[in-house]
């Protein structure tokens, strides 16, 4: 009887050891199955592209009947150049509606807009007001001033410009343009104004050339 029990006891121990061994092997296999190693890399290409589209509209401004000639601007990706403009009387001006498009995948922030004088052979003395936000050109011997500036405001009138200082124009009309957002896939307009006030002794302004540059940064 004791030999019989002893054999059963040995069989039981052997069976338990076998079960434990099988469980260990099964757990090891399960652990290996749960370990997933990835060697692939996921990449997403994002394009950054904000620029003048080349689309524009030139609108004469005038407080009195006169001959205003708003020539076509020369447009690159981020600059607009005005070469020949004929303004014959005080209150004459031109408004250029320039389209800016974000054709990329990343939103942008307009960080700066500056205007510089390219050529000046008409006797005017030009200066930058508020770090180039507005250009003011005056001529010795007559009471006239030419103002050049960009803006996001499409409703600026000749009457308003006739009574505003160059520095107040920078604050009221140019500053709101800075830090404006342009989301991916959208377009907006930047308006470039050229305006004559005072009494010019000469109506020839073909010797003046201006370039406005806009700069964008990623959001």
Protein backbone atom coordinates (compact mmCIF):
# COMPACT_ATOMS: atom_id res chain seq x y z
CA UNK A 1 0.00 0.00 0.00
CA UNK A 2 2.83 2.32 0.87
CA UNK A 3 4.66 1.45 -2.38
CA UNK A 4 1.50 2.22 -4.30
CA UNK A 5 1.09 5.62 -2.62
CA UNK A 6 4.74 6.40 -3.14
CA UNK A 7 4.36 5.77 -6.88
CA UNK A 8 1.29 7.94 -7.08
CA UNK A 9 3.12 10.66 -5.24
CA UNK A 10 6.01 10.50 -7.74
CA UNK A 11 3.60 10.61 -10.66
CA UNK A 12 1.86 13.61 -9.15
CA UNK A 13 5.13 15.50 -8.66
CA UNK A 14 6.22 14.68 -12.22
CA UNK A 15 2.88 15.84 -13.62
CA UNK A 16 3.06 19.10 -11.69
CA UNK A 17 6.61 19.74 -12.94
CA UNK A 18 5.48 19.05 -16.50
CA UNK A 19 2.52 21.44 -16.16
CA UNK A 20 4.75 24.18 -14.74
CA UNK A 21 7.27 23.66 -17.57
CA UNK A 22 4.55 23.85 -20.23
CA UNK A 23 3.12 27.00 -18.63
CA UNK A 24 6.56 28.63 -18.63
CA UNK A 25 7.07 27.76 -22.28
CA UNK A 26 3.61 29.12 -23.16
CA UNK A 27 4.19 32.36 -21.25
CA UNK A 28 7.54 32.84 -22.98
CA UNK A 29 5.94 32.35 -26.39
CA UNK A 30 3.15 34.78 -25.50
CA UNK A 31 5.67 37.38 -24.34
CA UNK A 32 7.59 37.10 -27.58
CA UNK A 33 4.39 37.53 -29.57
CA UNK A 34 3.61 40.79 -27.78
CA UNK A 35 7.01 42.36 -28.52
CA UNK A 36 6.51 44.30 -31.78
CA UNK A 37 9.52 46.05 -33.30
CA UNK A 38 8.93 48.76 -35.90
CA UNK A 39 11.73 49.72 -38.28
CA UNK A 40 9.63 52.03 -40.50
CA UNK A 41 9.59 55.87 -40.28
CA UNK A 42 6.46 57.94 -40.91
CA UNK A 43 7.19 61.30 -42.54
CA UNK A 44 4.85 64.15 -43.46
CA UNK A 45 6.11 66.78 -45.88
CA UNK A 46 4.74 70.27 -45.20
CA UNK A 47 5.17 73.03 -47.78
CA UNK A 48 5.78 76.68 -46.85
CA UNK A 49 4.65 79.07 -49.60
CA UNK A 50 3.17 82.56 -49.15
CA UNK A 51 3.57 85.07 -51.96
CA UNK A 52 1.94 87.65 -54.20
CA UNK A 53 -0.19 85.73 -56.68
CA UNK A 54 0.34 88.37 -59.39
CA UNK A 55 -3.33 89.34 -59.38
CA UNK A 56 -3.92 93.06 -58.89
CA UNK A 57 -6.41 95.86 -59.45
CA UNK A 58 -5.42 99.53 -59.81
CA UNK A 59 -8.02 102.08 -58.68
CA UNK A 60 -7.59 105.87 -59.15
CA UNK A 61 -8.29 108.07 -56.12
CA UNK A 62 -9.17 111.75 -56.49
CA UNK A 63 -10.87 114.51 -54.53
CA UNK A 64 -11.43 116.57 -57.69
CA UNK A 65 -11.74 115.90 -61.43
CA UNK A 66 -8.24 115.34 -62.80
CA UNK A 67 -6.15 113.02 -64.92
CA UNK A 68 -4.85 110.09 -62.89
CA UNK A 69 -2.79 107.34 -64.49
CA UNK A 70 -2.13 104.28 -62.34
CA UNK A 71 0.45 102.20 -64.15
CA UNK A 72 0.70 98.43 -63.81
CA UNK A 73 2.95 97.32 -60.93
CA UNK A 74 5.85 94.91 -61.36
CA UNK A 75 5.12 91.99 -59.02
CA UNK A 76 7.43 89.23 -57.77
CA UNK A 77 6.80 86.67 -55.04
CA UNK A 78 7.10 89.19 -52.20
CA UNK A 79 7.58 92.63 -53.80
CA UNK A 80 5.48 95.12 -55.75
CA UNK A 81 7.24 97.93 -57.64
CA UNK A 82 5.57 101.10 -58.95
CA UNK A 83 7.46 102.66 -61.82
CA UNK A 84 5.36 105.27 -63.62
CA UNK A 85 2.47 107.10 -61.97
CA UNK A 86 0.99 110.38 -63.18
CA UNK A 87 -0.76 112.46 -60.50
CA UNK A 88 -1.72 115.90 -61.72
CA UNK A 89 -3.42 117.65 -58.78
CA UNK A 90 -3.68 117.69 -55.02
CA UNK A 91 -5.91 114.85 -53.86
CA UNK A 92 -4.90 112.50 -56.66
CA UNK A 93 -3.78 109.00 -55.84
CA UNK A 94 -3.76 105.34 -56.76
CA UNK A 95 -4.82 102.30 -54.78
CA UNK A 96 -3.30 98.97 -55.82
CA UNK A 97 -5.15 95.88 -54.67
CA UNK A 98 -2.58 93.05 -54.56
CA UNK A 99 -3.55 89.46 -53.80
CA UNK A 100 -1.43 87.41 -51.41
CA UNK A 101 -1.96 83.64 -51.40
CA UNK A 102 -0.88 80.89 -49.01
CA UNK A 103 -0.51 77.85 -51.27
CA UNK A 104 1.34 75.82 -48.64
CA UNK A 105 0.30 73.61 -45.74
CA UNK A 106 1.41 75.92 -42.91
CA UNK A 107 -0.28 79.09 -41.70
CA UNK A 108 1.71 82.32 -41.82
CA UNK A 109 1.97 85.62 -40.01
CA UNK A 110 2.71 88.86 -41.86
CA UNK A 111 5.75 90.05 -39.90
CA UNK A 112 6.80 93.20 -41.81
CA UNK A 113 5.87 95.51 -44.69
CA UNK A 114 8.39 98.11 -45.82
CA UNK A 115 8.64 100.53 -48.75
CA UNK A 116 11.85 101.88 -50.25
CA UNK A 117 12.64 104.37 -53.02
CA UNK A 118 14.32 102.74 -56.02
CA UNK A 119 14.92 105.77 -58.24
CA UNK A 120 14.40 109.49 -57.74
CA UNK A 121 15.22 111.84 -60.61
CA UNK A 122 12.28 114.22 -60.22
CA UNK A 123 13.74 116.47 -57.53
CA UNK A 124 11.81 115.06 -54.59
CA UNK A 125 13.41 114.35 -51.22
CA UNK A 126 12.05 111.13 -49.78
CA UNK A 127 12.25 109.86 -46.23
CA UNK A 128 11.08 106.77 -44.40
CA UNK A 129 8.54 107.31 -41.63
CA UNK A 130 8.13 104.75 -38.83
CA UNK A 131 10.92 102.45 -40.06
CA UNK A 132 9.80 102.43 -43.68
CA UNK A 133 6.11 101.81 -43.08
CA UNK A 134 5.35 105.06 -44.92
CA UNK A 135 7.44 106.93 -47.51
CA UNK A 136 7.05 110.73 -47.57
CA UNK A 137 8.45 112.63 -50.57
CA UNK A 138 8.55 116.44 -50.70
CA UNK A 139 10.05 118.92 -53.17
CA UNK A 140 11.78 122.18 -52.39
CA UNK A 141 10.01 125.18 -53.93
CA UNK A 142 6.44 123.90 -53.83
CA UNK A 143 3.90 122.76 -51.31
CA UNK A 144 3.44 119.12 -52.19
CA UNK A 145 3.95 115.71 -50.62
CA UNK A 146 3.69 112.19 -52.02
CA UNK A 147 2.78 109.42 -49.57
CA UNK A 148 3.36 105.72 -50.26
CA UNK A 149 2.30 102.94 -47.86
CA UNK A 150 0.74 99.45 -47.68
CA UNK A 151 -2.41 98.63 -45.72
CA UNK A 152 -5.02 95.95 -45.09
CA UNK A 153 -7.72 98.65 -45.27
CA UNK A 154 -9.47 98.87 -48.63
CA UNK A 155 -11.66 101.87 -47.72
CA UNK A 156 -9.09 104.64 -47.22
CA UNK A 157 -10.30 107.78 -49.01
CA UNK A 158 -8.47 110.71 -50.56
CA UNK A 159 -10.18 113.02 -48.08
CA UNK A 160 -8.80 111.06 -45.13
CA UNK A 161 -5.28 111.03 -46.56
CA UNK A 162 -5.42 114.74 -47.22
CA UNK A 163 -5.63 115.52 -43.51
CA UNK A 164 -3.47 112.75 -41.96
CA UNK A 165 0.19 113.01 -41.02
CA UNK A 166 2.61 110.36 -42.26
CA UNK A 167 3.16 109.05 -38.72
CA UNK A 168 -0.58 108.81 -38.03
CA UNK A 169 -1.01 106.93 -41.33
CA UNK A 170 1.61 104.44 -40.16
CA UNK A 171 -0.23 103.93 -36.87
CA UNK A 172 -3.77 103.85 -38.24
CA UNK A 173 -3.34 102.03 -41.56
CA UNK A 174 -0.02 100.17 -41.71
CA UNK A 175 0.31 98.79 -38.18
CA UNK A 176 -2.97 96.79 -38.38
CA UNK A 177 -1.49 95.00 -41.41
CA UNK A 178 1.42 93.67 -39.34
CA UNK A 179 0.86 90.38 -37.48
CA UNK A 180 -2.21 89.45 -39.52
CA UNK A 181 -2.68 85.72 -40.07
CA UNK A 182 -3.00 83.90 -43.37
CA UNK A 183 -4.14 80.30 -42.99
CA UNK A 184 -2.99 77.53 -45.31
CA UNK A 185 -4.93 77.46 -48.58
CA UNK A 186 -6.37 80.97 -48.25
CA UNK A 187 -5.79 84.36 -49.88
CA UNK A 188 -6.03 87.96 -48.75
CA UNK A 189 -5.43 91.44 -50.18
CA UNK A 190 -2.73 93.97 -49.40
CA UNK A 191 -3.51 97.50 -50.58
CA UNK A 192 -0.68 99.76 -51.71
CA UNK A 193 -1.54 103.48 -51.69
CA UNK A 194 0.20 106.35 -53.51
CA UNK A 195 -1.21 109.80 -52.77
CA UNK A 196 -0.37 113.42 -53.69
CA UNK A 197 -1.37 116.35 -51.52
CA UNK A 198 -0.47 120.02 -51.47
CA UNK A 199 0.24 122.13 -54.57
CA UNK A 200 2.88 120.67 -56.87
CA UNK A 201 4.84 122.97 -59.18
CA UNK A 202 5.25 120.15 -61.68
CA UNK A 203 3.04 117.23 -62.62
CA UNK A 204 5.92 114.97 -63.74
CA UNK A 205 6.51 112.09 -61.37
CA UNK A 206 8.00 109.52 -63.74
CA UNK A 207 11.38 109.84 -62.00
CA UNK A 208 10.07 108.23 -58.81
CA UNK A 209 10.05 104.45 -58.36
CA UNK A 210 9.03 102.59 -55.19
CA UNK A 211 9.11 98.98 -54.03
CA UNK A 212 7.04 97.54 -51.19
CA UNK A 213 8.18 94.25 -49.65
CA UNK A 214 6.07 92.02 -47.42
CA UNK A 215 7.59 89.41 -45.15
CA UNK A 216 5.87 86.38 -43.65
CA UNK A 217 6.89 84.01 -40.85
CA UNK A 218 5.46 80.62 -39.91
CA UNK A 219 2.82 80.55 -37.19
